[in-house]
Structures are given as C-alpha cells and as structure tokens.
C-alpha cells in the first residue's frame, strides 16, 4: 500500500494504475514468458510498443504528418547540446530566452558550439517573473529561437509562446508537455525529458519538423544527429525499452482521462487550490513567482523565516509528504503537481499547510 504523497520535481509521481500494470508486466508481459525488462528491442513485442507509443504522442498532441517523433536517452541535458550541434552553424547565431535555471544550462551548452544571443532575460528579477517575449529583438541571422516553457526551479511558466516567423522556435517542454493543449505547428523542435509528465527517467521525447532535419550537416557524430535517428525511427541503437514502455502506459492513462484538455482542467484546479492556500495565509506563506508568471506545474513558496521552513519540512516528511524541498538554486519550498498528482493529494497538502499555520502562525 502506498502511504506517501509524492510532490517530487522529477522523477515525479506516476499514476497508480500505471504502476500496478508495470508490476504485473515485470514478470511476464503479454503472456510471452519474458519480463518487459528482458525483451529485445528488435523483437516484435517491443516494436509494437515502440510504434504505438509514437502514435499515441501524435494523437494526443495532434502532431502534423510532417513532424518526426523520436526517442533519445540522456535527458533534456543532452538536448541542450544536441540542438546547437545540429543547427548552430558558423554563419548563424542562436537566440535564447534566459528565464531560469534550465534555460541557463541550455545557454551554456550552446555557447560551447557557436555564437549565442540572449534576446530576453529575467535574471535581474531573480527569475521570479518571465521575460517579456513581445520585446524580443531576434537577429534575422538566427538559426533558431530557444525557449523553456516551464522553469521548475523558479516555478514560472509561459501560457503563450511567440510566433518567430521564418526562424524556427525550439522549446524545452520537459516539465509541462501534455499538461495542456498547444499547437505543435508553431514549433520547429520540441524536446521533453519523460520524468515529469510522460513517465520515468531514461527517455526523452523529441518532436521535430522534417524541414529542420534537411539542414543538418554531416560532421556530427551519428549518435548526436537527429537525422540519423529519424531515418532509423529511433531504433539506430538500443532504445530505453523499459522507459518507453512506461511512457506508453502513461499516454494511455492520459487518453483515458480526457487527453490534454482533461489534464489542463485537472491541473488548473490543483494549482488554484495550492495558490489560494498560500495567498489567503495573510503572509505566513508567500509565493515566490510573480502572479502573472506562476506555473501550474511547480508551486514555489516560502515561510516567514528559515526556522519555520525547516520545521515545516520536518513535519511534512514525518507525515508522508515527499519532495517539497525547493530546488538547490532557489531554496524554500516547492510542490510539483504534475499530471499524475491528484486533486485529493493536493487537498491533503493544503489542509496540512493550513493546520501548520494554525499552530505556528
């Protein structure tokens, strides 16, 4: 029996139904006498999972037919390097929006490859507010514009992303993909580590327009080349079989629970509940992100002083609440309420926060 409330930022909570299915398939998947952990990536059994998972992503996000859906290992951090390796050539620069910890890491990787321009930044505001994308000054010689849709450390999230015209828009959606509907056709490339809303750590999903693949030069190592992986349908080398399989189950769970629209409704209710508890505390709790930039995936907040924060975190752990420590770059507290976190779990958390305030406020 599960007795913890999982608010980890990643690897994050998975639906209980999915975990039960995984438990069953660990011994014997589909009656073939082998565990999901044992089957070959060249087997018919895995190929069915592989291609079905790609199609589920296409269906849930309504992906146009001129995009590829690819699976990679190495997390989003590998994509920080792969994106400039594939698209940032000597005659171009790359335009980046600096909105927090993860976009900062992407910028540092790109600077190792070529020229980078930061076209919008909220560093001066400690990333508590999102940069204004309407004021971006994008150089016409940009190979692409890179944006991080949700910054998990600061707890800020874009509700709308810019139209960059003929310059491809590339987006790190690791922490909010499938949490709400969006128009894939606005993007040249999207990448997302699975361990937030898609499944377990170990696989990263990339959605890329085929036009971008034609721009890739031939001097990139094959394992880092999007075009090579697209040609082999993400079977160029051994894929992360188990992780893809769990993503498959999570995608089916999302589809059975209203798809991205259903997730958006659930997530808004959860976020409203947690933020209302913070905002109505009379200053006992304080949200770290500006209201107009708040994330519905990662709620960051503080208390009146550090001693109270330590006391709260201690009591939360004693009562089965996991993962509420803030990111090391930010500190304080953070509740990550991804798709798989239920409204009831958020209600139990807010009830605990209210009772803690009654005792210590």
Protein backbone atom coordinates (compact mmCIF):
# COMPACT_ATOMS: atom_id res chain seq x y z
CA UNK A 1 0.00 0.00 0.00
CA UNK A 2 1.26 3.48 -0.89
CA UNK A 3 1.34 5.80 2.08
CA UNK A 4 3.34 8.77 0.78
CA UNK A 5 2.27 11.94 -1.01
CA UNK A 6 4.73 12.43 -3.86
CA UNK A 7 5.44 16.05 -4.79
CA UNK A 8 8.90 15.39 -6.26
CA UNK A 9 10.03 17.62 -9.12
CA UNK A 10 11.40 14.67 -11.08
CA UNK A 11 11.49 11.78 -11.27
CA UNK A 12 7.94 12.52 -10.30
CA UNK A 13 4.69 10.79 -9.42
CA UNK A 14 3.23 8.17 -11.76
CA UNK A 15 -0.44 7.14 -11.92
CA UNK A 16 -1.12 4.27 -9.52
CA UNK A 17 -2.88 2.35 -12.31
CA UNK A 18 0.30 2.52 -14.38
CA UNK A 19 2.48 1.29 -11.52
CA UNK A 20 0.16 -1.68 -10.99
CA UNK A 21 0.37 -2.58 -14.69
CA UNK A 22 4.17 -2.31 -14.57
CA UNK A 23 4.21 -4.57 -11.54
CA UNK A 24 2.26 -7.20 -13.47
CA UNK A 25 4.44 -6.98 -16.59
CA UNK A 26 7.70 -7.19 -14.66
CA UNK A 27 7.18 -10.95 -14.52
CA UNK A 28 5.55 -11.66 -17.86
CA UNK A 29 4.48 -9.15 -20.50
CA UNK A 30 1.60 -10.13 -22.76
CA UNK A 31 1.99 -13.82 -21.91
CA UNK A 32 5.27 -14.31 -23.79
CA UNK A 33 7.12 -15.72 -20.79
CA UNK A 34 9.56 -12.78 -20.54
CA UNK A 35 9.71 -9.69 -18.37
CA UNK A 36 9.44 -6.27 -20.01
CA UNK A 37 12.98 -5.82 -18.69
CA UNK A 38 14.22 -8.74 -20.80
CA UNK A 39 12.71 -8.38 -24.25
CA UNK A 40 14.87 -7.46 -27.24
CA UNK A 41 14.49 -4.05 -28.82
CA UNK A 42 14.40 -5.89 -32.16
CA UNK A 43 11.55 -8.14 -31.08
CA UNK A 44 8.03 -7.90 -32.45
CA UNK A 45 6.78 -7.34 -28.90
CA UNK A 46 8.91 -4.23 -28.41
CA UNK A 47 8.32 -2.85 -31.89
CA UNK A 48 4.58 -2.89 -31.20
CA UNK A 49 5.16 -0.85 -28.03
CA UNK A 50 7.61 1.48 -29.77
CA UNK A 51 5.43 2.41 -32.73
CA UNK A 52 2.25 2.55 -30.66
CA UNK A 53 3.93 4.99 -28.26
CA UNK A 54 4.93 7.26 -31.13
CA UNK A 55 1.36 7.17 -32.44
CA UNK A 56 -0.13 7.90 -29.02
CA UNK A 57 2.03 11.02 -28.78
CA UNK A 58 0.92 12.05 -32.26
CA UNK A 59 -2.74 11.56 -31.39
CA UNK A 60 -2.65 13.30 -28.00
CA UNK A 61 -0.80 16.35 -29.36
CA UNK A 62 -2.42 16.32 -32.81
CA UNK A 63 1.03 16.38 -34.41
CA UNK A 64 1.07 17.21 -38.15
CA UNK A 65 2.31 14.50 -40.50
CA UNK A 66 5.48 16.44 -41.45
CA UNK A 67 6.96 16.01 -37.96
CA UNK A 68 9.02 13.13 -36.60
CA UNK A 69 8.54 11.73 -33.08
CA UNK A 70 11.85 10.43 -31.73
CA UNK A 71 13.14 8.79 -28.55
CA UNK A 72 16.54 9.61 -27.04
CA UNK A 73 18.48 8.86 -23.90
CA UNK A 74 20.47 11.35 -21.82
CA UNK A 75 17.60 13.54 -20.66
CA UNK A 76 16.92 17.13 -21.66
CA UNK A 77 20.50 17.96 -20.67
CA UNK A 78 21.75 16.05 -23.71
CA UNK A 79 19.31 18.02 -25.86
CA UNK A 80 20.91 21.24 -24.58
CA UNK A 81 23.97 20.17 -26.59
CA UNK A 82 22.28 18.33 -29.46
CA UNK A 83 20.20 21.31 -30.53
CA UNK A 84 23.18 23.61 -31.23
CA UNK A 85 25.31 20.73 -32.56
CA UNK A 86 22.68 20.06 -35.22
CA UNK A 87 21.51 23.58 -36.08
CA UNK A 88 24.03 26.22 -34.92
CA UNK A 89 26.50 26.55 -37.80
CA UNK A 90 29.24 29.16 -38.24
CA UNK A 91 27.20 31.51 -40.41
CA UNK A 92 24.37 31.78 -37.86
CA UNK A 93 23.82 32.66 -34.22
CA UNK A 94 21.30 31.17 -31.80
CA UNK A 95 18.77 33.29 -29.90
CA UNK A 96 17.93 32.18 -26.35
CA UNK A 97 15.41 33.34 -23.76
CA UNK A 98 17.02 33.27 -20.30
CA UNK A 99 14.19 32.55 -17.88
CA UNK A 100 15.80 30.45 -15.15
CA UNK A 101 18.00 27.54 -14.17
CA UNK A 102 17.28 25.21 -17.07
CA UNK A 103 17.36 27.75 -19.87
CA UNK A 104 20.64 28.92 -18.33
CA UNK A 105 22.10 25.43 -18.67
CA UNK A 106 20.93 25.26 -22.28
CA UNK A 107 22.62 28.60 -23.00
CA UNK A 108 25.94 27.42 -21.54
CA UNK A 109 25.92 24.32 -23.74
CA UNK A 110 25.09 26.32 -26.86
CA UNK A 111 27.93 28.78 -26.16
CA UNK A 112 30.37 25.86 -26.46
CA UNK A 113 29.17 25.29 -30.02
CA UNK A 114 28.71 28.75 -31.51
CA UNK A 115 27.54 32.33 -31.11
CA UNK A 116 24.60 32.88 -28.76
CA UNK A 117 22.44 35.98 -28.28
CA UNK A 118 20.23 36.31 -25.21
CA UNK A 119 17.15 38.06 -26.61
CA UNK A 120 15.18 38.25 -23.35
CA UNK A 121 16.15 37.72 -19.72
CA UNK A 122 14.65 37.95 -16.24
CA UNK A 123 17.96 37.44 -14.42
CA UNK A 124 17.74 40.93 -12.90
CA UNK A 125 14.48 39.86 -11.22
CA UNK A 126 15.97 36.59 -9.94
CA UNK A 127 13.77 34.76 -12.46
CA UNK A 128 10.66 35.38 -10.38
CA UNK A 129 8.94 36.86 -13.44
CA UNK A 130 9.12 35.60 -17.01
CA UNK A 131 10.93 37.67 -19.65
CA UNK A 132 8.59 39.59 -21.93
CA UNK A 133 8.69 37.79 -25.27
CA UNK A 134 6.92 40.64 -27.06
CA UNK A 135 10.07 42.72 -26.68
CA UNK A 136 12.49 40.16 -28.10
CA UNK A 137 14.94 41.57 -30.62
CA UNK A 138 15.67 38.50 -32.69
CA UNK A 139 18.57 38.83 -35.09
CA UNK A 140 17.49 37.89 -38.64
CA UNK A 141 20.58 35.67 -38.86
CA UNK A 142 19.39 33.43 -36.04
CA UNK A 143 19.40 29.70 -36.68
CA UNK A 144 16.62 29.29 -34.11
CA UNK A 145 14.99 30.79 -31.04
CA UNK A 146 15.10 28.66 -27.88
CA UNK A 147 12.54 28.97 -25.08
CA UNK A 148 11.92 26.94 -21.91
CA UNK A 149 8.16 26.76 -21.44
CA UNK A 150 8.24 25.97 -17.70
CA UNK A 151 11.08 26.60 -15.26
CA UNK A 152 10.77 24.08 -12.44
CA UNK A 153 13.22 25.76 -10.06
CA UNK A 154 11.62 29.21 -10.02
CA UNK A 155 8.07 27.99 -10.61
CA UNK A 156 7.34 30.16 -13.66
CA UNK A 157 5.57 29.10 -16.84
CA UNK A 158 4.64 30.66 -20.18
CA UNK A 159 0.96 30.49 -21.03
CA UNK A 160 1.65 31.59 -24.61
CA UNK A 161 4.79 31.34 -26.71
CA UNK A 162 5.83 33.71 -29.51
CA UNK A 163 5.44 33.46 -33.24
CA UNK A 164 9.01 33.64 -34.55
CA UNK A 165 8.08 33.69 -38.24
CA UNK A 166 10.62 32.06 -40.52
CA UNK A 167 13.06 31.42 -37.66
CA UNK A 168 12.40 28.02 -36.07
CA UNK A 169 11.13 28.06 -32.49
CA UNK A 170 12.73 25.35 -30.33
CA UNK A 171 11.24 24.62 -26.93
CA UNK A 172 12.23 22.66 -23.85
CA UNK A 173 8.88 21.33 -22.61
CA UNK A 174 10.31 18.79 -20.19
CA UNK A 175 8.16 19.86 -17.27
CA UNK A 176 4.82 20.74 -18.86
CA UNK A 177 4.36 18.69 -22.03
CA UNK A 178 0.92 17.02 -22.15
CA UNK A 179 -0.27 19.18 -19.26
CA UNK A 180 -2.41 21.29 -21.64
CA UNK A 181 -3.20 21.58 -25.36
CA UNK A 182 -0.88 23.55 -27.65
CA UNK A 183 -0.26 23.97 -31.37
CA UNK A 184 2.73 21.84 -32.39
CA UNK A 185 2.89 23.51 -35.82
CA UNK A 186 4.28 26.70 -34.20
CA UNK A 187 7.50 24.88 -33.31
CA UNK A 188 10.48 23.63 -35.26
CA UNK A 189 11.52 21.26 -32.49
CA UNK A 190 10.22 20.31 -29.03
CA UNK A 191 12.06 18.18 -26.52
CA UNK A 192 10.94 16.79 -23.18
CA UNK A 193 12.55 14.55 -20.61
CA UNK A 194 9.99 11.98 -19.57
CA UNK A 195 10.34 12.13 -15.81
CA UNK A 196 7.75 14.84 -15.15
CA UNK A 197 4.53 14.17 -17.07
CA UNK A 198 5.44 11.40 -19.52
CA UNK A 199 6.87 8.55 -17.47
CA UNK A 200 10.08 7.54 -15.71
CA UNK A 201 13.60 8.86 -16.21
CA UNK A 202 15.55 7.29 -19.06
CA UNK A 203 13.87 8.50 -22.24
CA UNK A 204 13.47 11.93 -23.84
CA UNK A 205 10.86 12.66 -26.49
CA UNK A 206 11.79 14.90 -29.43
CA UNK A 207 9.25 16.23 -31.91
CA UNK A 208 10.97 17.79 -34.92
CA UNK A 209 9.85 19.22 -38.26
CA UNK A 210 11.39 17.37 -41.19
CA UNK A 211 12.48 20.66 -42.81
CA UNK A 212 14.93 21.15 -39.94
CA UNK A 213 16.40 17.69 -40.48
CA UNK A 214 17.42 18.68 -44.01
CA UNK A 215 19.60 21.49 -42.58
CA UNK A 216 21.81 19.19 -40.52
CA UNK A 217 25.38 18.95 -41.74
CA UNK A 218 27.31 15.71 -41.99
CA UNK A 219 30.10 16.37 -39.49
CA UNK A 220 28.08 15.46 -36.39
CA UNK A 221 28.62 12.11 -34.61
CA UNK A 222 25.84 9.75 -35.62
CA UNK A 223 24.59 9.32 -32.05
CA UNK A 224 24.08 13.09 -31.81
CA UNK A 225 22.48 13.53 -35.23
CA UNK A 226 18.70 13.95 -35.33
CA UNK A 227 18.54 12.93 -38.98
CA UNK A 228 20.26 9.60 -38.34
CA UNK A 229 17.80 8.76 -35.58
CA UNK A 230 14.83 9.85 -37.68
CA UNK A 231 15.90 7.61 -40.56
CA UNK A 232 16.04 4.61 -38.22
CA UNK A 233 12.78 5.54 -36.45
CA UNK A 234 14.64 5.87 -33.13
CA UNK A 235 15.98 2.33 -33.43
CA UNK A 236 19.51 3.29 -34.51
CA UNK A 237 20.83 1.84 -31.26
CA UNK A 238 19.21 0.08 -28.30
CA UNK A 239 16.44 2.39 -27.08
CA UNK A 240 15.46 2.66 -23.39
CA UNK A 241 12.93 -0.16 -23.71
CA UNK A 242 11.52 -0.08 -20.20
CA UNK A 243 11.14 3.70 -20.12
CA UNK A 244 9.37 3.77 -23.50
CA UNK A 245 7.04 1.03 -22.28
CA UNK A 246 6.07 3.02 -19.17
CA UNK A 247 5.55 6.15 -21.29
CA UNK A 248 3.19 4.05 -23.40
CA UNK A 249 1.11 3.23 -20.32
CA UNK A 250 1.11 6.85 -19.10
CA UNK A 251 -0.04 8.08 -22.51
CA UNK A 252 -2.94 5.62 -22.45
CA UNK A 253 -3.82 6.86 -18.96
CA UNK A 254 -3.85 10.45 -20.23
CA UNK A 255 -6.01 9.48 -23.20
CA UNK A 256 -8.47 7.72 -20.86
CA UNK A 257 -8.66 10.80 -18.63
CA UNK A 258 -9.65 13.43 -21.14
CA UNK A 259 -6.41 13.91 -23.06
CA UNK A 260 -4.56 17.22 -22.81
CA UNK A 261 -7.80 19.13 -22.22
CA UNK A 262 -8.65 16.87 -19.33
CA UNK A 263 -5.15 17.30 -17.91
CA UNK A 264 -5.40 21.09 -18.23
CA UNK A 265 -8.66 21.16 -16.27
CA UNK A 266 -7.26 18.91 -13.53
CA UNK A 267 -4.03 20.88 -13.31
CA UNK A 268 -5.74 24.26 -13.09
CA UNK A 269 -7.95 23.05 -10.21
CA UNK A 270 -4.94 21.70 -8.34
CA UNK A 271 -2.85 24.82 -8.87
CA UNK A 272 -5.71 27.13 -7.85
CA UNK A 273 -6.17 25.15 -4.63
CA UNK A 274 -2.50 25.37 -3.63
CA UNK A 275 -2.04 29.01 -4.63
CA UNK A 276 -5.23 30.05 -2.82
CA UNK A 277 -3.92 28.45 0.36
CA UNK A 278 -0.71 30.45 0.03
CA UNK A 279 -2.41 33.73 -0.90
CA UNK A 280 -5.00 33.54 1.88
CA UNK A 281 -2.44 32.88 4.60
CA UNK A 282 -2.01 36.57 5.42
CA UNK A 283 1.71 36.46 4.64
CA UNK A 284 2.50 33.31 6.64
CA UNK A 285 3.16 31.65 3.26
CA UNK A 286 4.43 33.67 0.32
CA UNK A 287 4.51 32.65 -3.34
CA UNK A 288 7.95 33.16 -4.89
CA UNK A 289 6.86 33.69 -8.51
CA UNK A 290 5.01 36.80 -9.64
CA UNK A 291 1.33 36.09 -10.09
CA UNK A 292 1.37 36.69 -13.84
CA UNK A 293 4.19 34.16 -14.28
CA UNK A 294 3.07 31.39 -11.93
CA UNK A 295 3.47 27.79 -13.02
CA UNK A 296 0.64 25.28 -12.72
CA UNK A 297 3.26 22.53 -12.53
CA UNK A 298 5.64 23.77 -9.81
CA UNK A 299 4.37 25.91 -6.94
CA UNK A 300 7.28 27.65 -5.19
CA UNK A 301 6.76 29.36 -1.84
CA UNK A 302 8.42 30.45 1.39
CA UNK A 303 7.50 30.97 5.03
CA UNK A 304 8.07 33.85 7.44
CA UNK A 305 11.57 32.63 8.32
CA UNK A 306 14.02 29.79 7.75
CA UNK A 307 13.37 28.20 11.13
CA UNK A 308 9.68 27.76 10.30
CA UNK A 309 10.62 26.36 6.87
CA UNK A 310 12.87 23.73 8.45
CA UNK A 311 10.14 22.86 10.95
CA UNK A 312 7.52 22.52 8.20
CA UNK A 313 9.72 20.35 6.01
CA UNK A 314 10.49 18.11 9.00
CA UNK A 315 6.82 17.68 9.83
CA UNK A 316 5.92 17.09 6.19
CA UNK A 317 8.43 14.24 5.94
CA UNK A 318 7.15 12.70 9.20
CA UNK A 319 3.64 12.73 7.78
CA UNK A 320 4.46 11.10 4.45
CA UNK A 321 4.91 14.14 2.21
CA UNK A 322 7.88 13.71 -0.16
CA UNK A 323 9.77 16.13 -2.39
CA UNK A 324 8.71 19.52 -1.06
CA UNK A 325 12.20 20.97 -0.66
CA UNK A 326 12.92 23.80 -3.08
CA UNK A 327 15.48 23.47 -5.87
CA UNK A 328 19.07 23.99 -4.66
CA UNK A 329 19.33 27.21 -6.73
CA UNK A 330 16.27 28.71 -5.05
CA UNK A 331 15.74 27.05 -1.68
CA UNK A 332 12.50 27.43 0.34
CA UNK A 333 9.67 25.02 -0.68
CA UNK A 334 8.22 23.68 -3.90
CA UNK A 335 5.19 21.49 -4.61
CA UNK A 336 5.40 19.83 -8.03
CA UNK A 337 1.87 18.94 -9.09
CA UNK A 338 2.31 17.25 -12.45
CA UNK A 339 -0.44 15.36 -14.27
CA UNK A 340 -0.25 12.26 -12.08
CA UNK A 341 -0.62 14.15 -8.78
CA UNK A 342 -4.29 14.02 -7.81
CA UNK A 343 -6.54 16.80 -6.55
CA UNK A 344 -7.06 14.82 -3.34
CA UNK A 345 -3.30 14.70 -2.72
CA UNK A 346 -3.15 18.48 -3.16
CA UNK A 347 -6.11 18.85 -0.78
CA UNK A 348 -4.33 16.79 1.87
CA UNK A 349 -1.26 19.02 1.43
CA UNK A 350 -3.21 22.28 1.69
CA UNK A 351 -5.08 21.01 4.75
CA UNK A 352 -1.72 20.24 6.36
CA UNK A 353 -0.38 23.70 5.47
CA UNK A 354 -3.49 25.33 6.95
CA UNK A 355 -3.17 23.34 10.17
CA UNK A 356 0.56 24.13 10.40
CA UNK A 357 -0.27 27.84 10.11
CA UNK A 358 -2.90 27.50 12.85
CA UNK A 359 -0.30 26.04 15.20
CA UNK A 360 2.63 28.34 14.37
CA UNK A 361 1.09 31.47 12.90
